[in-house]
């Protein structure tokens, strides 16, 4: 149970950080926000990839999980950017 939480935090931190670099929000958010964006992004990415029939999900500390969380984190940051500008 504890290891699962740690894996989610690690995947979230990496995916959130990478997404913040791609979306150019890295200077505006710190480690905690990177983790939150990455973890929420993992849910969004899993949902979107399942809708597309690709299947996706965070299943552990692997490249597929990281990619799923990264895609979702980029989607989340894009949505937040639109909301903030609107």
PDB file of N, CA and C in Angstrom:
ATOM      1  N   UNK A   1       0.827  -1.193   0.000  1.00  0.00           N
ATOM      2  CA  UNK A   1       0.000   0.000   0.000  1.00  0.00           C
ATOM      3  C   UNK A   1       0.872   1.258   0.000  1.00  0.00           C
ATOM      4  N   UNK A   2       1.835   1.337   0.887  1.00  0.00           N
ATOM      5  CA  UNK A   2       2.711   2.498   0.954  1.00  0.00           C
ATOM      6  C   UNK A   2       3.544   2.635  -0.317  1.00  0.00           C
ATOM      7  N   UNK A   3       3.985   1.510  -0.857  1.00  0.00           N
ATOM      8  CA  UNK A   3       4.788   1.558  -2.086  1.00  0.00           C
ATOM      9  C   UNK A   3       3.966   2.095  -3.249  1.00  0.00           C
ATOM     10  N   UNK A   4       2.663   1.785  -3.282  1.00  0.00           N
ATOM     11  CA  UNK A   4       1.795   2.304  -4.340  1.00  0.00           C
ATOM     12  C   UNK A   4       1.683   3.822  -4.264  1.00  0.00           C
ATOM     13  N   UNK A   5       1.572   4.335  -3.056  1.00  0.00           N
ATOM     14  CA  UNK A   5       1.494   5.785  -2.868  1.00  0.00           C
ATOM     15  C   UNK A   5       2.792   6.445  -3.316  1.00  0.00           C
ATOM     16  N   UNK A   6       3.904   5.832  -2.972  1.00  0.00           N
ATOM     17  CA  UNK A   6       5.207   6.366  -3.366  1.00  0.00           C
ATOM     18  C   UNK A   6       5.356   6.358  -4.883  1.00  0.00           C
ATOM     19  N   UNK A   7       4.917   5.276  -5.531  1.00  0.00           N
ATOM     20  CA  UNK A   7       4.982   5.190  -6.999  1.00  0.00           C
ATOM     21  C   UNK A   7       4.127   6.291  -7.622  1.00  0.00           C
ATOM     22  N   UNK A   8       2.912   6.496  -7.115  1.00  0.00           N
ATOM     23  CA  UNK A   8       2.042   7.553  -7.637  1.00  0.00           C
ATOM     24  C   UNK A   8       2.708   8.919  -7.483  1.00  0.00           C
ATOM     25  N   UNK A   9       3.351   9.165  -6.349  1.00  0.00           N
ATOM     26  CA  UNK A   9       4.014  10.446  -6.125  1.00  0.00           C
ATOM     27  C   UNK A   9       5.201  10.639  -7.063  1.00  0.00           C
ATOM     28  N   UNK A  10       5.975   9.585  -7.269  1.00  0.00           N
ATOM     29  CA  UNK A  10       7.137   9.673  -8.166  1.00  0.00           C
ATOM     30  C   UNK A  10       6.681   9.896  -9.604  1.00  0.00           C
ATOM     31  N   UNK A  11       5.729   9.093 -10.057  1.00  0.00           N
ATOM     32  CA  UNK A  11       5.201   9.252 -11.421  1.00  0.00           C
ATOM     33  C   UNK A  11       4.586  10.643 -11.575  1.00  0.00           C
ATOM     34  N   UNK A  12       3.819  11.074 -10.568  1.00  0.00           N
ATOM     35  CA  UNK A  12       3.205  12.398 -10.611  1.00  0.00           C
ATOM     36  C   UNK A  12       4.225  13.514 -10.684  1.00  0.00           C
ATOM     37  N   UNK A  13       5.270  13.400  -9.897  1.00  0.00           N
ATOM     38  CA  UNK A  13       6.307  14.438  -9.890  1.00  0.00           C
ATOM     39  C   UNK A  13       7.009  14.521 -11.242  1.00  0.00           C
ATOM     40  N   UNK A  14       7.382  13.387 -11.791  1.00  0.00           N
ATOM     41  CA  UNK A  14       8.095  13.380 -13.075  1.00  0.00           C
ATOM     42  C   UNK A  14       7.187  13.867 -14.195  1.00  0.00           C
ATOM     43  N   UNK A  15       5.963  13.316 -14.270  1.00  0.00           N
ATOM     44  CA  UNK A  15       5.031  13.686 -15.338  1.00  0.00           C
ATOM     45  C   UNK A  15       4.640  15.160 -15.222  1.00  0.00           C
ATOM     46  N   UNK A  16       4.381  15.630 -14.008  1.00  0.00           N
ATOM     47  CA  UNK A  16       4.022  17.033 -13.813  1.00  0.00           C
ATOM     48  C   UNK A  16       5.149  17.972 -14.184  1.00  0.00           C
ATOM     49  N   UNK A  17       6.355  17.592 -13.830  1.00  0.00           N
ATOM     50  CA  UNK A  17       7.517  18.418 -14.168  1.00  0.00           C
ATOM     51  C   UNK A  17       7.729  18.475 -15.674  1.00  0.00           C
ATOM     52  N   UNK A  18       7.668  17.317 -16.338  1.00  0.00           N
ATOM     53  CA  UNK A  18       7.840  17.287 -17.796  1.00  0.00           C
ATOM     54  C   UNK A  18       6.741  18.079 -18.496  1.00  0.00           C
ATOM     55  N   UNK A  19       5.507  17.923 -18.032  1.00  0.00           N
ATOM     56  CA  UNK A  19       4.395  18.669 -18.632  1.00  0.00           C
ATOM     57  C   UNK A  19       4.575  20.168 -18.421  1.00  0.00           C
ATOM     58  N   UNK A  20       5.064  20.563 -17.253  1.00  0.00           N
ATOM     59  CA  UNK A  20       5.271  21.988 -16.994  1.00  0.00           C
ATOM     60  C   UNK A  20       6.373  22.552 -17.880  1.00  0.00           C
ATOM     61  N   UNK A  21       7.360  21.734 -18.224  1.00  0.00           N
ATOM     62  CA  UNK A  21       8.392  22.179 -19.164  1.00  0.00           C
ATOM     63  C   UNK A  21       7.807  22.373 -20.561  1.00  0.00           C
ATOM     64  N   UNK A  22       7.006  21.408 -20.996  1.00  0.00           N
ATOM     65  CA  UNK A  22       6.399  21.473 -22.332  1.00  0.00           C
ATOM     66  C   UNK A  22       5.430  22.651 -22.428  1.00  0.00           C
ATOM     67  N   UNK A  23       4.655  22.869 -21.383  1.00  0.00           N
ATOM     68  CA  UNK A  23       3.631  23.927 -21.400  1.00  0.00           C
ATOM     69  C   UNK A  23       4.186  25.269 -20.903  1.00  0.00           C
ATOM     70  N   UNK A  24       5.460  25.314 -20.598  1.00  0.00           N
ATOM     71  CA  UNK A  24       6.153  26.523 -20.152  1.00  0.00           C
ATOM     72  C   UNK A  24       5.534  27.146 -18.896  1.00  0.00           C
ATOM     73  N   UNK A  25       5.173  26.300 -17.944  1.00  0.00           N
ATOM     74  CA  UNK A  25       4.671  26.785 -16.653  1.00  0.00           C
ATOM     75  C   UNK A  25       5.631  26.407 -15.531  1.00  0.00           C
ATOM     76  N   UNK A  26       6.818  25.929 -15.880  1.00  0.00           N
ATOM     77  CA  UNK A  26       7.746  25.401 -14.883  1.00  0.00           C
ATOM     78  C   UNK A  26       8.148  26.436 -13.839  1.00  0.00           C
ATOM     79  N   UNK A  27       8.307  27.669 -14.232  1.00  0.00           N
ATOM     80  CA  UNK A  27       8.747  28.699 -13.278  1.00  0.00           C
ATOM     81  C   UNK A  27       7.629  29.142 -12.357  1.00  0.00           C
ATOM     82  N   UNK A  28       6.398  28.822 -12.710  1.00  0.00           N
ATOM     83  CA  UNK A  28       5.249  29.259 -11.917  1.00  0.00           C
ATOM     84  C   UNK A  28       4.830  28.230 -10.877  1.00  0.00           C
ATOM     85  N   UNK A  29       5.323  27.013 -10.997  1.00  0.00           N
ATOM     86  CA  UNK A  29       4.878  25.968 -10.076  1.00  0.00           C
ATOM     87  C   UNK A  29       6.078  25.235  -9.499  1.00  0.00           C
ATOM     88  N   UNK A  30       5.925  24.796  -8.279  1.00  0.00           N
ATOM     89  CA  UNK A  30       6.991  24.081  -7.601  1.00  0.00           C
ATOM     90  C   UNK A  30       6.743  22.586  -7.600  1.00  0.00           C
ATOM     91  N   UNK A  31       7.502  21.892  -6.793  1.00  0.00           N
ATOM     92  CA  UNK A  31       7.434  20.433  -6.735  1.00  0.00           C
ATOM     93  C   UNK A  31       6.051  19.935  -6.327  1.00  0.00           C
ATOM     94  N   UNK A  32       5.460  20.560  -5.334  1.00  0.00           N
ATOM     95  CA  UNK A  32       4.150  20.102  -4.867  1.00  0.00           C
ATOM     96  C   UNK A  32       3.100  20.214  -5.959  1.00  0.00           C
ATOM     97  N   UNK A  33       3.097  21.320  -6.686  1.00  0.00           N
ATOM     98  CA  UNK A  33       2.138  21.486  -7.766  1.00  0.00           C
ATOM     99  C   UNK A  33       2.452  20.542  -8.923  1.00  0.00           C
ATOM    100  N   UNK A  34       3.733  20.276  -9.172  1.00  0.00           N
ATOM    101  CA  UNK A  34       4.101  19.279 -10.187  1.00  0.00           C
ATOM    102  C   UNK A  34       3.510  17.916  -9.845  1.00  0.00           C
ATOM    103  N   UNK A  35       3.600  17.533  -8.586  1.00  0.00           N
ATOM    104  CA  UNK A  35       3.058  16.242  -8.147  1.00  0.00           C
ATOM    105  C   UNK A  35       1.547  16.217  -8.328  1.00  0.00           C
ATOM    106  N   UNK A  36       0.876  17.277  -7.907  1.00  0.00           N
ATOM    107  CA  UNK A  36      -0.587  17.333  -8.032  1.00  0.00           C
ATOM    108  C   UNK A  36      -0.993  17.273  -9.504  1.00  0.00           C
ATOM    109  N   UNK A  37      -0.339  18.053 -10.345  1.00  0.00           N
ATOM    110  CA  UNK A  37      -0.651  18.056 -11.776  1.00  0.00           C
ATOM    111  C   UNK A  37      -0.402  16.674 -12.372  1.00  0.00           C
ATOM    112  N   UNK A  38       0.682  16.036 -11.987  1.00  0.00           N
ATOM    113  CA  UNK A  38       0.999  14.706 -12.514  1.00  0.00           C
ATOM    114  C   UNK A  38       0.023  13.639 -12.063  1.00  0.00           C
ATOM    115  N   UNK A  39      -0.376  13.665 -10.806  1.00  0.00           N
ATOM    116  CA  UNK A  39      -1.317  12.655 -10.293  1.00  0.00           C
ATOM    117  C   UNK A  39      -2.706  12.854 -10.911  1.00  0.00           C
ATOM    118  N   UNK A  40      -3.177  14.097 -10.932  1.00  0.00           N
ATOM    119  CA  UNK A  40      -4.472  14.362 -11.576  1.00  0.00           C
ATOM    120  C   UNK A  40      -4.370  14.049 -13.068  1.00  0.00           C
ATOM    121  N   UNK A  41      -3.243  14.386 -13.649  1.00  0.00           N
ATOM    122  CA  UNK A  41      -3.004  14.078 -15.059  1.00  0.00           C
ATOM    123  C   UNK A  41      -3.033  12.592 -15.343  1.00  0.00           C
ATOM    124  N   UNK A  42      -2.597  11.779 -14.407  1.00  0.00           N
ATOM    125  CA  UNK A  42      -2.639  10.328 -14.585  1.00  0.00           C
ATOM    126  C   UNK A  42      -4.081   9.839 -14.733  1.00  0.00           C
ATOM    127  N   UNK A  43      -4.968  10.400 -13.934  1.00  0.00           N
ATOM    128  CA  UNK A  43      -6.387  10.047 -14.054  1.00  0.00           C
ATOM    129  C   UNK A  43      -6.961  10.519 -15.386  1.00  0.00           C
ATOM    130  N   UNK A  44      -6.648  11.757 -15.745  1.00  0.00           N
ATOM    131  CA  UNK A  44      -7.148  12.308 -17.007  1.00  0.00           C
ATOM    132  C   UNK A  44      -6.585  11.519 -18.182  1.00  0.00           C
ATOM    133  N   UNK A  45      -5.285  11.260 -18.157  1.00  0.00           N
ATOM    134  CA  UNK A  45      -4.651  10.506 -19.238  1.00  0.00           C
ATOM    135  C   UNK A  45      -5.226   9.115 -19.378  1.00  0.00           C
ATOM    136  N   UNK A  46      -5.441   8.438 -18.263  1.00  0.00           N
ATOM    137  CA  UNK A  46      -6.043   7.107 -18.301  1.00  0.00           C
ATOM    138  C   UNK A  46      -7.440   7.141 -18.882  1.00  0.00           C
ATOM    139  N   UNK A  47      -8.223   8.140 -18.493  1.00  0.00           N
ATOM    140  CA  UNK A  47      -9.588   8.281 -18.991  1.00  0.00           C
ATOM    141  C   UNK A  47      -9.591   8.538 -20.501  1.00  0.00           C
ATOM    142  N   UNK A  48      -8.774   9.500 -20.950  1.00  0.00           N
ATOM    143  CA  UNK A  48      -8.732   9.861 -22.371  1.00  0.00           C
ATOM    144  C   UNK A  48      -8.217   8.697 -23.217  1.00  0.00           C
ATOM    145  N   UNK A  49      -7.167   8.043 -22.766  1.00  0.00           N
ATOM    146  CA  UNK A  49      -6.618   6.928 -23.547  1.00  0.00           C
ATOM    147  C   UNK A  49      -7.597   5.757 -23.605  1.00  0.00           C
ATOM    148  N   UNK A  50      -8.344   5.532 -22.544  1.00  0.00           N
ATOM    149  CA  UNK A  50      -9.370   4.494 -22.585  1.00  0.00           C
ATOM    150  C   UNK A  50     -10.489   4.850 -23.547  1.00  0.00           C
ATOM    151  N   UNK A  51     -10.864   6.128 -23.601  1.00  0.00           N
ATOM    152  CA  UNK A  51     -11.880   6.572 -24.555  1.00  0.00           C
ATOM    153  C   UNK A  51     -11.427   6.369 -25.994  1.00  0.00           C
ATOM    154  N   UNK A  52     -10.138   6.571 -26.226  1.00  0.00           N
ATOM    155  CA  UNK A  52      -9.583   6.398 -27.567  1.00  0.00           C
ATOM    156  C   UNK A  52      -9.345   4.933 -27.923  1.00  0.00           C
ATOM    157  N   UNK A  53      -9.550   4.050 -26.963  1.00  0.00           N
ATOM    158  CA  UNK A  53      -9.363   2.622 -27.205  1.00  0.00           C
ATOM    159  C   UNK A  53      -7.924   2.171 -27.135  1.00  0.00           C
ATOM    160  N   UNK A  54      -7.047   3.039 -26.687  1.00  0.00           N
ATOM    161  CA  UNK A  54      -5.629   2.699 -26.584  1.00  0.00           C
ATOM    162  C   UNK A  54      -5.366   1.950 -25.287  1.00  0.00           C
ATOM    163  N   UNK A  55      -6.226   2.153 -24.334  1.00  0.00           N
ATOM    164  CA  UNK A  55      -5.994   1.584 -23.008  1.00  0.00           C
ATOM    165  C   UNK A  55      -4.913   2.396 -22.343  1.00  0.00           C
ATOM    166  N   UNK A  56      -4.986   2.668 -21.210  1.00  0.00           N
ATOM    167  CA  UNK A  56      -3.969   3.468 -20.545  1.00  0.00           C
ATOM    168  C   UNK A  56      -4.247   3.418 -19.077  1.00  0.00           C
ATOM    169  N   UNK A  57      -3.270   3.599 -18.354  1.00  0.00           N
ATOM    170  CA  UNK A  57      -3.450   3.602 -16.920  1.00  0.00           C
ATOM    171  C   UNK A  57      -2.102   3.574 -16.257  1.00  0.00           C
ATOM    172  N   UNK A  58      -2.107   3.933 -15.034  1.00  0.00           N
ATOM    173  CA  UNK A  58      -0.878   3.911 -14.261  1.00  0.00           C
ATOM    174  C   UNK A  58      -0.852   2.580 -13.529  1.00  0.00           C
ATOM    175  N   UNK A  59       0.049   1.721 -13.969  1.00  0.00           N
ATOM    176  CA  UNK A  59       0.109   0.357 -13.450  1.00  0.00           C
ATOM    177  C   UNK A  59       1.377   0.079 -12.664  1.00  0.00           C
ATOM    178  N   UNK A  60       2.152   1.087 -12.435  1.00  0.00           N
ATOM    179  CA  UNK A  60       3.396   0.906 -11.701  1.00  0.00           C
ATOM    180  C   UNK A  60       4.436   1.884 -12.191  1.00  0.00           C
ATOM    181  N   UNK A  61       5.634   1.682 -11.796  1.00  0.00           N
ATOM    182  CA  UNK A  61       6.734   2.559 -12.170  1.00  0.00           C
ATOM    183  C   UNK A  61       7.307   2.070 -13.498  1.00  0.00           C
ATOM    184  N   UNK A  62       6.681   2.492 -14.599  1.00  0.00           N
ATOM    185  CA  UNK A  62       7.131   2.087 -15.931  1.00  0.00           C
ATOM    186  C   UNK A  62       6.873   3.210 -16.925  1.00  0.00           C
ATOM    187  N   UNK A  63       7.372   3.050 -18.130  1.00  0.00           N
ATOM    188  CA  UNK A  63       7.280   4.087 -19.152  1.00  0.00           C
ATOM    189  C   UNK A  63       5.839   4.341 -19.583  1.00  0.00           C
ATOM    190  N   UNK A  64       5.022   3.299 -19.664  1.00  0.00           N
ATOM    191  CA  UNK A  64       3.622   3.461 -20.058  1.00  0.00           C
ATOM    192  C   UNK A  64       2.873   4.319 -19.051  1.00  0.00           C
ATOM    193  N   UNK A  65       3.091   4.072 -17.780  1.00  0.00           N
ATOM    194  CA  UNK A  65       2.442   4.861 -16.739  1.00  0.00           C
ATOM    195  C   UNK A  65       2.899   6.310 -16.796  1.00  0.00           C
ATOM    196  N   UNK A  66       4.187   6.515 -17.001  1.00  0.00           N
ATOM    197  CA  UNK A  66       4.720   7.867 -17.087  1.00  0.00           C
ATOM    198  C   UNK A  66       4.139   8.603 -18.295  1.00  0.00           C
ATOM    199  N   UNK A  67       4.044   7.936 -19.422  1.00  0.00           N
ATOM    200  CA  UNK A  67       3.488   8.542 -20.629  1.00  0.00           C
ATOM    201  C   UNK A  67       2.012   8.879 -20.443  1.00  0.00           C
ATOM    202  N   UNK A  68       1.266   7.987 -19.824  1.00  0.00           N
ATOM    203  CA  UNK A  68      -0.152   8.235 -19.552  1.00  0.00           C
ATOM    204  C   UNK A  68      -0.323   9.461 -18.667  1.00  0.00           C
ATOM    205  N   UNK A  69       0.449   9.540 -17.592  1.00  0.00           N
ATOM    206  CA  UNK A  69       0.369  10.680 -16.677  1.00  0.00           C
ATOM    207  C   UNK A  69       0.826  11.961 -17.355  1.00  0.00           C
ATOM    208  N   UNK A  70       1.844  11.884 -18.183  1.00  0.00           N
ATOM    209  CA  UNK A  70       2.348  13.054 -18.900  1.00  0.00           C
ATOM    210  C   UNK A  70       1.295  13.609 -19.855  1.00  0.00           C
ATOM    211  N   UNK A  71       0.657  12.738 -20.624  1.00  0.00           N
ATOM    212  CA  UNK A  71      -0.382  13.174 -21.562  1.00  0.00           C
ATOM    213  C   UNK A  71      -1.512  13.862 -20.801  1.00  0.00           C
ATOM    214  N   UNK A  72      -1.946  13.244 -19.725  1.00  0.00           N
ATOM    215  CA  UNK A  72      -3.007  13.840 -18.926  1.00  0.00           C
ATOM    216  C   UNK A  72      -2.604  15.159 -18.290  1.00  0.00           C
ATOM    217  N   UNK A  73      -1.365  15.253 -17.847  1.00  0.00           N
ATOM    218  CA  UNK A  73      -0.878  16.489 -17.225  1.00  0.00           C
ATOM    219  C   UNK A  73      -0.820  17.621 -18.248  1.00  0.00           C
ATOM    220  N   UNK A  74      -0.409  17.319 -19.461  1.00  0.00           N
ATOM    221  CA  UNK A  74      -0.392  18.339 -20.520  1.00  0.00           C
ATOM    222  C   UNK A  74      -1.823  18.799 -20.815  1.00  0.00           C
ATOM    223  N   UNK A  75      -2.757  17.855 -20.889  1.00  0.00           N
ATOM    224  CA  UNK A  75      -4.166  18.203 -21.107  1.00  0.00           C
ATOM    225  C   UNK A  75      -4.663  19.099 -19.969  1.00  0.00           C
ATOM    226  N   UNK A  76      -4.348  18.737 -18.739  1.00  0.00           N
ATOM    227  CA  UNK A  76      -4.775  19.523 -17.581  1.00  0.00           C
ATOM    228  C   UNK A  76      -4.212  20.937 -17.633  1.00  0.00           C
ATOM    229  N   UNK A  77      -2.922  21.074 -17.910  1.00  0.00           N
ATOM    230  CA  UNK A  77      -2.310  22.401 -17.969  1.00  0.00           C
ATOM    231  C   UNK A  77      -2.883  23.221 -19.119  1.00  0.00           C
ATOM    232  N   UNK A  78      -3.208  22.588 -20.240  1.00  0.00           N
ATOM    233  CA  UNK A  78      -3.825  23.294 -21.367  1.00  0.00           C
ATOM    234  C   UNK A  78      -5.214  23.801 -20.984  1.00  0.00           C
ATOM    235  N   UNK A  79      -5.987  22.974 -20.290  1.00  0.00           N
ATOM    236  CA  UNK A  79      -7.322  23.388 -19.841  1.00  0.00           C
ATOM    237  C   UNK A  79      -7.204  24.552 -18.859  1.00  0.00           C
ATOM    238  N   UNK A  80      -6.272  24.458 -17.925  1.00  0.00           N
ATOM    239  CA  UNK A  80      -6.085  25.540 -16.951  1.00  0.00           C
ATOM    240  C   UNK A  80      -5.655  26.837 -17.629  1.00  0.00           C
ATOM    241  N   UNK A  81      -4.840  26.728 -18.665  1.00  0.00           N
ATOM    242  CA  UNK A  81      -4.411  27.919 -19.400  1.00  0.00           C
ATOM    243  C   UNK A  81      -5.604  28.598 -20.069  1.00  0.00           C
ATOM    244  N   UNK A  82      -6.486  27.810 -20.668  1.00  0.00           N
ATOM    245  CA  UNK A  82      -7.675  28.375 -21.318  1.00  0.00           C
ATOM    246  C   UNK A  82      -8.593  29.032 -20.287  1.00  0.00           C
ATOM    247  N   UNK A  83      -8.768  28.382 -19.152  1.00  0.00           N
ATOM    248  CA  UNK A  83      -9.636  28.927 -18.100  1.00  0.00           C
ATOM    249  C   UNK A  83      -9.072  30.238 -17.562  1.00  0.00           C
ATOM    250  N   UNK A  84      -7.789  30.287 -17.345  1.00  0.00           N
ATOM    251  CA  UNK A  84      -7.163  31.506 -16.797  1.00  0.00           C
ATOM    252  C   UNK A  84      -7.237  32.674 -17.765  1.00  0.00           C
ATOM    253  N   UNK A  85      -7.104  32.415 -19.054  1.00  0.00           N
ATOM    254  CA  UNK A  85      -7.163  33.481 -20.048  1.00  0.00           C
ATOM    255  C   UNK A  85      -8.585  33.917 -20.341  1.00  0.00           C
ATOM    256  N   UNK A  86      -9.536  33.004 -20.137  1.00  0.00           N
ATOM    257  CA  UNK A  86     -10.940  33.290 -20.454  1.00  0.00           C
ATOM    258  C   UNK A  86     -11.567  34.058 -19.378  1.00  0.00           C
TER     259      UNK A  86
END
